[in-house]
PDB file of N, CA and C in Angstrom:
ATOM      1  N   MET A   1      17.618  23.864 -30.362  1.00  0.00           N
ATOM      2  CA  MET A   1      16.112  22.933 -29.816  1.00  0.00           C
ATOM      3  C   MET A   1      16.788  21.892 -29.379  1.00  0.00           C
ATOM      4  N   PRO A   2      16.274  21.164 -28.347  1.00  0.00           N
ATOM      5  CA  PRO A   2      16.768  20.191 -27.873  1.00  0.00           C
ATOM      6  C   PRO A   2      15.660  19.015 -28.508  1.00  0.00           C
ATOM      7  N   THR A   3      16.835  18.084 -28.983  1.00  0.00           N
ATOM      8  CA  THR A   3      15.852  16.458 -29.629  1.00  0.00           C
ATOM      9  C   THR A   3      16.476  15.554 -28.794  1.00  0.00           C
ATOM     10  N   ILE A   4      16.079  14.436 -29.296  1.00  0.00           N
ATOM     11  CA  ILE A   4      15.952  12.963 -28.893  1.00  0.00           C
ATOM     12  C   ILE A   4      16.685  11.504 -30.101  1.00  0.00           C
ATOM     13  N   THR A   5      16.750  11.161 -29.697  1.00  0.00           N
ATOM     14  CA  THR A   5      16.992  10.036 -30.513  1.00  0.00           C
ATOM     15  C   THR A   5      15.976   9.092 -31.087  1.00  0.00           C
ATOM     16  N   LEU A   6      15.196   8.731 -31.640  1.00  0.00           N
ATOM     17  CA  LEU A   6      13.941   7.663 -31.583  1.00  0.00           C
ATOM     18  C   LEU A   6      14.174   6.995 -32.676  1.00  0.00           C
ATOM     19  N   LYS A   7      14.529   5.664 -31.535  1.00  0.00           N
ATOM     20  CA  LYS A   7      14.487   3.807 -32.884  1.00  0.00           C
ATOM     21  C   LYS A   7      13.136   3.336 -32.463  1.00  0.00           C
ATOM     22  N   LEU A   8      12.899   3.031 -33.566  1.00  0.00           N
ATOM     23  CA  LEU A   8      11.454   2.396 -34.194  1.00  0.00           C
ATOM     24  C   LEU A   8      11.897   0.964 -34.455  1.00  0.00           C
ATOM     25  N   PHE A   9      11.282  -0.029 -34.420  1.00  0.00           N
ATOM     26  CA  PHE A   9      11.813  -2.025 -34.518  1.00  0.00           C
ATOM     27  C   PHE A   9      10.756  -2.178 -34.762  1.00  0.00           C
ATOM     28  N   ALA A  10      10.846  -3.331 -36.209  1.00  0.00           N
ATOM     29  CA  ALA A  10       9.859  -4.126 -35.939  1.00  0.00           C
ATOM     30  C   ALA A  10       8.813  -3.383 -36.940  1.00  0.00           C
ATOM     31  N   SER A  11       7.078  -4.278 -36.807  1.00  0.00           N
ATOM     32  CA  SER A  11       6.240  -3.286 -37.377  1.00  0.00           C
ATOM     33  C   SER A  11       6.006  -1.876 -37.228  1.00  0.00           C
ATOM     34  N   LEU A  12       7.409  -1.273 -36.271  1.00  0.00           N
ATOM     35  CA  LEU A  12       7.082  -0.178 -36.328  1.00  0.00           C
ATOM     36  C   LEU A  12       7.609   1.148 -37.080  1.00  0.00           C
ATOM     37  N   ALA A  13       8.757   0.883 -37.996  1.00  0.00           N
ATOM     38  CA  ALA A  13      10.363   0.825 -38.492  1.00  0.00           C
ATOM     39  C   ALA A  13       9.070   0.814 -40.142  1.00  0.00           C
ATOM     40  N   LYS A  14       9.102   2.213 -40.701  1.00  0.00           N
ATOM     41  CA  LYS A  14       9.095   1.861 -42.121  1.00  0.00           C
ATOM     42  C   LYS A  14       9.878   1.192 -42.571  1.00  0.00           C
ATOM     43  N   ILE A  15       9.278  -0.372 -43.865  1.00  0.00           N
ATOM     44  CA  ILE A  15       9.694  -0.941 -44.678  1.00  0.00           C
ATOM     45  C   ILE A  15      10.423  -0.008 -45.752  1.00  0.00           C
ATOM     46  N   ALA A  16      11.788   0.036 -45.425  1.00  0.00           N
ATOM     47  CA  ALA A  16      12.488   0.117 -46.846  1.00  0.00           C
ATOM     48  C   ALA A  16      13.968  -0.413 -46.393  1.00  0.00           C
ATOM     49  N   PRO A  17      15.169  -0.366 -47.697  1.00  0.00           N
ATOM     50  CA  PRO A  17      15.987  -0.601 -47.070  1.00  0.00           C
ATOM     51  C   PRO A  17      16.973  -0.438 -46.298  1.00  0.00           C
ATOM     52  N   GLU A  18      16.421   0.919 -46.160  1.00  0.00           N
ATOM     53  CA  GLU A  18      18.015   1.202 -45.297  1.00  0.00           C
ATOM     54  C   GLU A  18      17.179   1.489 -43.901  1.00  0.00           C
ATOM     55  N   ASN A  19      15.800   0.580 -43.564  1.00  0.00           N
ATOM     56  CA  ASN A  19      15.951   0.701 -41.998  1.00  0.00           C
ATOM     57  C   ASN A  19      15.698  -0.853 -41.956  1.00  0.00           C
ATOM     58  N   ILE A  20      16.216  -1.791 -42.807  1.00  0.00           N
ATOM     59  CA  ILE A  20      16.180  -3.276 -42.021  1.00  0.00           C
ATOM     60  C   ILE A  20      16.317  -3.454 -40.829  1.00  0.00           C
ATOM     61  N   GLY A  21      17.440  -2.539 -39.962  1.00  0.00           N
ATOM     62  CA  GLY A  21      17.920  -2.820 -38.413  1.00  0.00           C
ATOM     63  C   GLY A  21      16.870  -1.894 -37.717  1.00  0.00           C
ATOM     64  N   GLY A  22      15.863  -1.043 -38.400  1.00  0.00           N
ATOM     65  CA  GLY A  22      15.037  -0.043 -37.532  1.00  0.00           C
ATOM     66  C   GLY A  22      15.427   1.368 -38.197  1.00  0.00           C
ATOM     67  N   GLU A  23      14.344   1.867 -37.702  1.00  0.00           N
ATOM     68  CA  GLU A  23      14.316   3.250 -38.528  1.00  0.00           C
ATOM     69  C   GLU A  23      14.613   4.509 -37.083  1.00  0.00           C
ATOM     70  N   ILE A  24      15.873   4.962 -37.035  1.00  0.00           N
ATOM     71  CA  ILE A  24      16.417   5.949 -36.498  1.00  0.00           C
ATOM     72  C   ILE A  24      16.347   7.219 -36.655  1.00  0.00           C
ATOM     73  N   ARG A  25      16.114   8.257 -35.936  1.00  0.00           N
ATOM     74  CA  ARG A  25      15.510   9.013 -36.929  1.00  0.00           C
ATOM     75  C   ARG A  25      15.455  10.475 -35.312  1.00  0.00           C
ATOM     76  N   THR A  26      16.431  11.683 -35.740  1.00  0.00           N
ATOM     77  CA  THR A  26      15.982  12.805 -34.791  1.00  0.00           C
ATOM     78  C   THR A  26      14.780  13.265 -34.649  1.00  0.00           C
ATOM     79  N   VAL A  27      14.351  13.661 -33.059  1.00  0.00           N
ATOM     80  CA  VAL A  27      12.925  14.231 -32.772  1.00  0.00           C
ATOM     81  C   VAL A  27      12.785  15.408 -31.793  1.00  0.00           C
ATOM     82  N   PRO A  28      12.421  16.455 -32.252  1.00  0.00           N
ATOM     83  CA  PRO A  28      12.235  17.842 -31.756  1.00  0.00           C
ATOM     84  C   PRO A  28      11.002  17.086 -30.576  1.00  0.00           C
ATOM     85  N   ILE A  29      11.786  17.539 -29.535  1.00  0.00           N
ATOM     86  CA  ILE A  29      11.649  17.651 -27.764  1.00  0.00           C
ATOM     87  C   ILE A  29      11.043  19.025 -27.645  1.00  0.00           C
ATOM     88  N   GLN A  30       9.634  19.037 -26.669  1.00  0.00           N
ATOM     89  CA  GLN A  30       9.663  19.961 -25.906  1.00  0.00           C
ATOM     90  C   GLN A  30       9.890  19.939 -23.808  1.00  0.00           C
ATOM     91  N   ALA A  31       9.646  21.096 -23.530  1.00  0.00           N
ATOM     92  CA  ALA A  31       9.892  20.691 -21.988  1.00  0.00           C
ATOM     93  C   ALA A  31       8.592  20.492 -21.773  1.00  0.00           C
ATOM     94  N   GLY A  32       8.975  19.321 -21.123  1.00  0.00           N
ATOM     95  CA  GLY A  32       8.135  18.429 -20.287  1.00  0.00           C
ATOM     96  C   GLY A  32       7.232  17.067 -21.114  1.00  0.00           C
ATOM     97  N   ASP A  33       8.394  17.117 -21.935  1.00  0.00           N
ATOM     98  CA  ASP A  33       7.860  16.049 -23.389  1.00  0.00           C
ATOM     99  C   ASP A  33       8.559  14.218 -22.622  1.00  0.00           C
ATOM    100  N   THR A  34       7.341  13.410 -22.153  1.00  0.00           N
ATOM    101  CA  THR A  34       7.128  12.575 -21.855  1.00  0.00           C
ATOM    102  C   THR A  34       7.122  11.014 -22.818  1.00  0.00           C
ATOM    103  N   ILE A  35       7.864  10.162 -22.676  1.00  0.00           N
ATOM    104  CA  ILE A  35       7.669   8.986 -23.785  1.00  0.00           C
ATOM    105  C   ILE A  35       6.166   8.777 -24.454  1.00  0.00           C
ATOM    106  N   THR A  36       5.506   8.923 -23.478  1.00  0.00           N
ATOM    107  CA  THR A  36       3.784   8.813 -24.057  1.00  0.00           C
ATOM    108  C   THR A  36       3.784  10.424 -24.905  1.00  0.00           C
ATOM    109  N   SER A  37       3.689  11.220 -24.649  1.00  0.00           N
ATOM    110  CA  SER A  37       3.515  12.624 -25.404  1.00  0.00           C
ATOM    111  C   SER A  37       4.658  12.217 -26.583  1.00  0.00           C
ATOM    112  N   ILE A  38       5.758  11.728 -27.404  1.00  0.00           N
ATOM    113  CA  ILE A  38       6.055  11.601 -27.934  1.00  0.00           C
ATOM    114  C   ILE A  38       5.471  10.442 -28.793  1.00  0.00           C
ATOM    115  N   ALA A  39       4.714   9.599 -28.435  1.00  0.00           N
ATOM    116  CA  ALA A  39       4.516   8.570 -28.936  1.00  0.00           C
ATOM    117  C   ALA A  39       3.466   8.829 -29.482  1.00  0.00           C
ATOM    118  N   ASP A  40       2.377  10.009 -28.972  1.00  0.00           N
ATOM    119  CA  ASP A  40       1.441  10.235 -29.467  1.00  0.00           C
ATOM    120  C   ASP A  40       1.371  11.087 -30.757  1.00  0.00           C
ATOM    121  N   ARG A  41       2.440  12.481 -30.365  1.00  0.00           N
ATOM    122  CA  ARG A  41       2.724  12.904 -31.681  1.00  0.00           C
ATOM    123  C   ARG A  41       3.686  12.156 -32.480  1.00  0.00           C
ATOM    124  N   GLU A  42       4.155  11.079 -32.585  1.00  0.00           N
ATOM    125  CA  GLU A  42       4.404  10.204 -33.484  1.00  0.00           C
ATOM    126  C   GLU A  42       3.182   8.968 -34.264  1.00  0.00           C
ATOM    127  N   ASN A  43       2.066   9.449 -33.532  1.00  0.00           N
ATOM    128  CA  ASN A  43       1.057   8.641 -34.127  1.00  0.00           C
ATOM    129  C   ASN A  43       1.060   7.121 -33.547  1.00  0.00           C
ATOM    130  N   LEU A  44       2.153   6.878 -32.966  1.00  0.00           N
ATOM    131  CA  LEU A  44       2.215   5.349 -32.552  1.00  0.00           C
ATOM    132  C   LEU A  44       1.252   5.302 -31.234  1.00  0.00           C
ATOM    133  N   SER A  45       0.267   4.129 -31.406  1.00  0.00           N
ATOM    134  CA  SER A  45      -0.561   3.299 -30.318  1.00  0.00           C
ATOM    135  C   SER A  45      -0.237   2.955 -29.168  1.00  0.00           C
ATOM    136  N   HIS A  46      -0.704   3.242 -27.798  1.00  0.00           N
ATOM    137  CA  HIS A  46      -0.203   2.617 -26.629  1.00  0.00           C
ATOM    138  C   HIS A  46      -0.362   1.188 -26.814  1.00  0.00           C
ATOM    139  N   LYS A  47      -0.793   0.981 -27.666  1.00  0.00           N
ATOM    140  CA  LYS A  47      -1.519  -0.291 -27.483  1.00  0.00           C
ATOM    141  C   LYS A  47      -0.142  -1.290 -28.665  1.00  0.00           C
ATOM    142  N   THR A  48       0.814  -0.470 -29.180  1.00  0.00           N
ATOM    143  CA  THR A  48       1.524  -1.413 -30.653  1.00  0.00           C
ATOM    144  C   THR A  48       2.886  -0.914 -29.438  1.00  0.00           C
ATOM    145  N   LEU A  49       3.223  -0.322 -28.151  1.00  0.00           N
ATOM    146  CA  LEU A  49       4.697  -0.442 -27.766  1.00  0.00           C
ATOM    147  C   LEU A  49       4.568  -1.128 -26.615  1.00  0.00           C
ATOM    148  N   HIS A  50       5.004  -2.509 -26.681  1.00  0.00           N
ATOM    149  CA  HIS A  50       5.696  -2.994 -25.834  1.00  0.00           C
ATOM    150  C   HIS A  50       6.466  -3.174 -25.236  1.00  0.00           C
ATOM    151  N   LEU A  51       7.525  -2.964 -25.748  1.00  0.00           N
ATOM    152  CA  LEU A  51       9.370  -2.250 -25.124  1.00  0.00           C
ATOM    153  C   LEU A  51       9.373  -1.328 -25.570  1.00  0.00           C
ATOM    154  N   VAL A  52      10.028  -0.756 -24.290  1.00  0.00           N
ATOM    155  CA  VAL A  52      10.435   0.823 -24.388  1.00  0.00           C
ATOM    156  C   VAL A  52      11.907   1.108 -23.267  1.00  0.00           C
ATOM    157  N   ILE A  53      13.031   1.366 -24.498  1.00  0.00           N
ATOM    158  CA  ILE A  53      13.670   1.215 -23.499  1.00  0.00           C
ATOM    159  C   ILE A  53      14.387   2.582 -24.202  1.00  0.00           C
ATOM    160  N   LEU A  54      14.734   3.856 -22.602  1.00  0.00           N
ATOM    161  CA  LEU A  54      15.134   5.456 -22.621  1.00  0.00           C
ATOM    162  C   LEU A  54      17.165   4.818 -22.090  1.00  0.00           C
ATOM    163  N   ASN A  55      17.754   4.653 -22.716  1.00  0.00           N
ATOM    164  CA  ASN A  55      19.206   5.320 -22.333  1.00  0.00           C
ATOM    165  C   ASN A  55      19.094   3.727 -22.156  1.00  0.00           C
ATOM    166  N   GLY A  56      18.969   2.776 -22.839  1.00  0.00           N
ATOM    167  CA  GLY A  56      19.317   1.610 -22.077  1.00  0.00           C
ATOM    168  C   GLY A  56      18.800   0.720 -20.749  1.00  0.00           C
ATOM    169  N   THR A  57      18.087   1.873 -20.682  1.00  0.00           N
ATOM    170  CA  THR A  57      17.115   0.755 -19.643  1.00  0.00           C
ATOM    171  C   THR A  57      15.542   0.967 -19.614  1.00  0.00           C
ATOM    172  N   TYR A  58      15.016  -0.373 -19.196  1.00  0.00           N
ATOM    173  CA  TYR A  58      13.226  -0.800 -19.919  1.00  0.00           C
ATOM    174  C   TYR A  58      12.826   0.326 -18.631  1.00  0.00           C
ATOM    175  N   ILE A  59      11.739   0.634 -19.492  1.00  0.00           N
ATOM    176  CA  ILE A  59      10.532   1.497 -18.689  1.00  0.00           C
ATOM    177  C   ILE A  59       9.094   0.771 -19.064  1.00  0.00           C
ATOM    178  N   ASP A  60       8.689   1.132 -17.439  1.00  0.00           N
ATOM    179  CA  ASP A  60       7.735  -0.055 -16.680  1.00  0.00           C
ATOM    180  C   ASP A  60       6.340   0.926 -18.182  1.00  0.00           C
ATOM    181  N   LYS A  61       5.349   0.031 -18.197  1.00  0.00           N
ATOM    182  CA  LYS A  61       4.110   1.247 -18.299  1.00  0.00           C
ATOM    183  C   LYS A  61       3.206   2.314 -17.985  1.00  0.00           C
ATOM    184  N   ASP A  62       3.771   2.038 -16.625  1.00  0.00           N
ATOM    185  CA  ASP A  62       2.793   2.914 -15.219  1.00  0.00           C
ATOM    186  C   ASP A  62       4.010   3.608 -15.450  1.00  0.00           C
ATOM    187  N   LYS A  63       4.873   3.799 -15.871  1.00  0.00           N
ATOM    188  CA  LYS A  63       6.095   5.734 -15.983  1.00  0.00           C
ATOM    189  C   LYS A  63       6.051   6.262 -16.837  1.00  0.00           C
ATOM    190  N   ARG A  64       5.866   5.387 -18.307  1.00  0.00           N
ATOM    191  CA  ARG A  64       5.832   6.102 -19.606  1.00  0.00           C
ATOM    192  C   ARG A  64       5.406   7.559 -19.610  1.00  0.00           C
ATOM    193  N   ASP A  65       4.548   7.931 -18.886  1.00  0.00           N
ATOM    194  CA  ASP A  65       3.202   8.820 -18.811  1.00  0.00           C
ATOM    195  C   ASP A  65       4.219  10.042 -17.894  1.00  0.00           C
ATOM    196  N   SER A  66       4.962   9.517 -16.445  1.00  0.00           N
ATOM    197  CA  SER A  66       5.827  10.645 -16.006  1.00  0.00           C
ATOM    198  C   SER A  66       7.090  10.519 -16.433  1.00  0.00           C
ATOM    199  N   THR A  67       7.871   9.536 -17.041  1.00  0.00           N
ATOM    200  CA  THR A  67       9.041   9.970 -17.393  1.00  0.00           C
ATOM    201  C   THR A  67       9.651  10.853 -17.956  1.00  0.00           C
ATOM    202  N   LEU A  68      10.705  11.889 -18.343  1.00  0.00           N
ATOM    203  CA  LEU A  68      10.398  13.554 -19.141  1.00  0.00           C
ATOM    204  C   LEU A  68      11.601  12.724 -19.633  1.00  0.00           C
ATOM    205  N   LEU A  69      11.633  13.618 -20.566  1.00  0.00           N
ATOM    206  CA  LEU A  69      12.571  13.276 -21.581  1.00  0.00           C
ATOM    207  C   LEU A  69      13.282  14.639 -21.533  1.00  0.00           C
ATOM    208  N   LYS A  70      15.101  14.169 -21.892  1.00  0.00           N
ATOM    209  CA  LYS A  70      15.900  15.350 -21.784  1.00  0.00           C
ATOM    210  C   LYS A  70      16.506  15.521 -23.183  1.00  0.00           C
ATOM    211  N   ASP A  71      17.565  16.671 -23.296  1.00  0.00           N
ATOM    212  CA  ASP A  71      18.192  16.651 -24.905  1.00  0.00           C
ATOM    213  C   ASP A  71      19.476  15.712 -25.160  1.00  0.00           C
ATOM    214  N   GLY A  72      19.339  15.037 -25.722  1.00  0.00           N
ATOM    215  CA  GLY A  72      20.297  13.878 -26.039  1.00  0.00           C
ATOM    216  C   GLY A  72      20.109  12.713 -25.713  1.00  0.00           C
ATOM    217  N   ASP A  73      18.728  12.060 -25.210  1.00  0.00           N
ATOM    218  CA  ASP A  73      18.514  11.175 -24.882  1.00  0.00           C
ATOM    219  C   ASP A  73      17.712   9.810 -26.119  1.00  0.00           C
ATOM    220  N   THR A  74      17.813   8.889 -25.921  1.00  0.00           N
ATOM    221  CA  THR A  74      17.644   8.318 -26.892  1.00  0.00           C
ATOM    222  C   THR A  74      16.768   6.816 -26.307  1.00  0.00           C
ATOM    223  N   LEU A  75      15.478   6.449 -26.926  1.00  0.00           N
ATOM    224  CA  LEU A  75      14.180   6.561 -27.365  1.00  0.00           C
ATOM    225  C   LEU A  75      14.304   5.076 -28.202  1.00  0.00           C
ATOM    226  N   SER A  76      14.496   4.272 -27.427  1.00  0.00           N
ATOM    227  CA  SER A  76      13.994   2.711 -28.943  1.00  0.00           C
ATOM    228  C   SER A  76      12.626   2.221 -28.366  1.00  0.00           C
ATOM    229  N   LEU A  77      11.345   2.263 -29.277  1.00  0.00           N
ATOM    230  CA  LEU A  77      10.720   1.415 -29.291  1.00  0.00           C
ATOM    231  C   LEU A  77      10.300  -0.077 -29.831  1.00  0.00           C
ATOM    232  N   TRP A  78       9.359  -1.167 -29.382  1.00  0.00           N
ATOM    233  CA  TRP A  78       9.150  -2.169 -30.168  1.00  0.00           C
ATOM    234  C   TRP A  78       8.053  -2.823 -29.819  1.00  0.00           C
ATOM    235  N   PRO A  79       7.421  -2.998 -31.018  1.00  0.00           N
ATOM    236  CA  PRO A  79       5.579  -3.464 -30.766  1.00  0.00           C
ATOM    237  C   PRO A  79       5.857  -5.076 -29.994  1.00  0.00           C
ATOM    238  N   PRO A  80       4.847  -5.424 -29.985  1.00  0.00           N
ATOM    239  CA  PRO A  80       4.923  -6.946 -28.981  1.00  0.00           C
ATOM    240  C   PRO A  80       4.844  -7.813 -30.987  1.00  0.00           C
ATOM    241  N   VAL A  81       6.096  -8.602 -30.598  1.00  0.00           N
ATOM    242  CA  VAL A  81       5.945  -9.838 -31.585  1.00  0.00           C
ATOM    243  C   VAL A  81       6.149 -11.313 -31.523  1.00  0.00           C
ATOM    244  N   VAL A  82       5.337 -11.510 -32.523  1.00  0.00           N
ATOM    245  CA  VAL A  82       4.778 -13.222 -31.759  1.00  0.00           C
ATOM    246  C   VAL A  82       5.400 -13.959 -33.057  1.00  0.00           C
ATOM    247  N   GLY A  83       5.569 -15.477 -33.218  1.00  0.00           N
ATOM    248  CA  GLY A  83       6.143 -15.774 -33.933  1.00  0.00           C
ATOM    249  C   GLY A  83       7.665 -16.717 -33.299  1.00  0.00           C
ATOM    250  N   GLY A  84       8.104 -17.737 -33.924  1.00  0.00           N
ATOM    251  CA  GLY A  84       9.135 -17.802 -33.584  1.00  0.00           C
ATOM    252  C   GLY A  84      10.478 -18.052 -34.978  1.00  0.00           C
TER     253      GLY A  84
END
């Protein structure tokens, strides 16, 4: 089964000592899965996804519906961050 590595940071990660640097897990994907479909499956609101990095490359909001994922990809997600 094809999988990607999903990395969730800041408020998207579960609060636990093992997730101090973010939550990292392996997620199965299906043919035709996109960034948006994975976010939906993981119950992540599109409003909470500010910074989206796929294999080290920033993905604009207008490309998240059409960017297909493939086996072995790494998808990193950050919410909007406020403060200083």
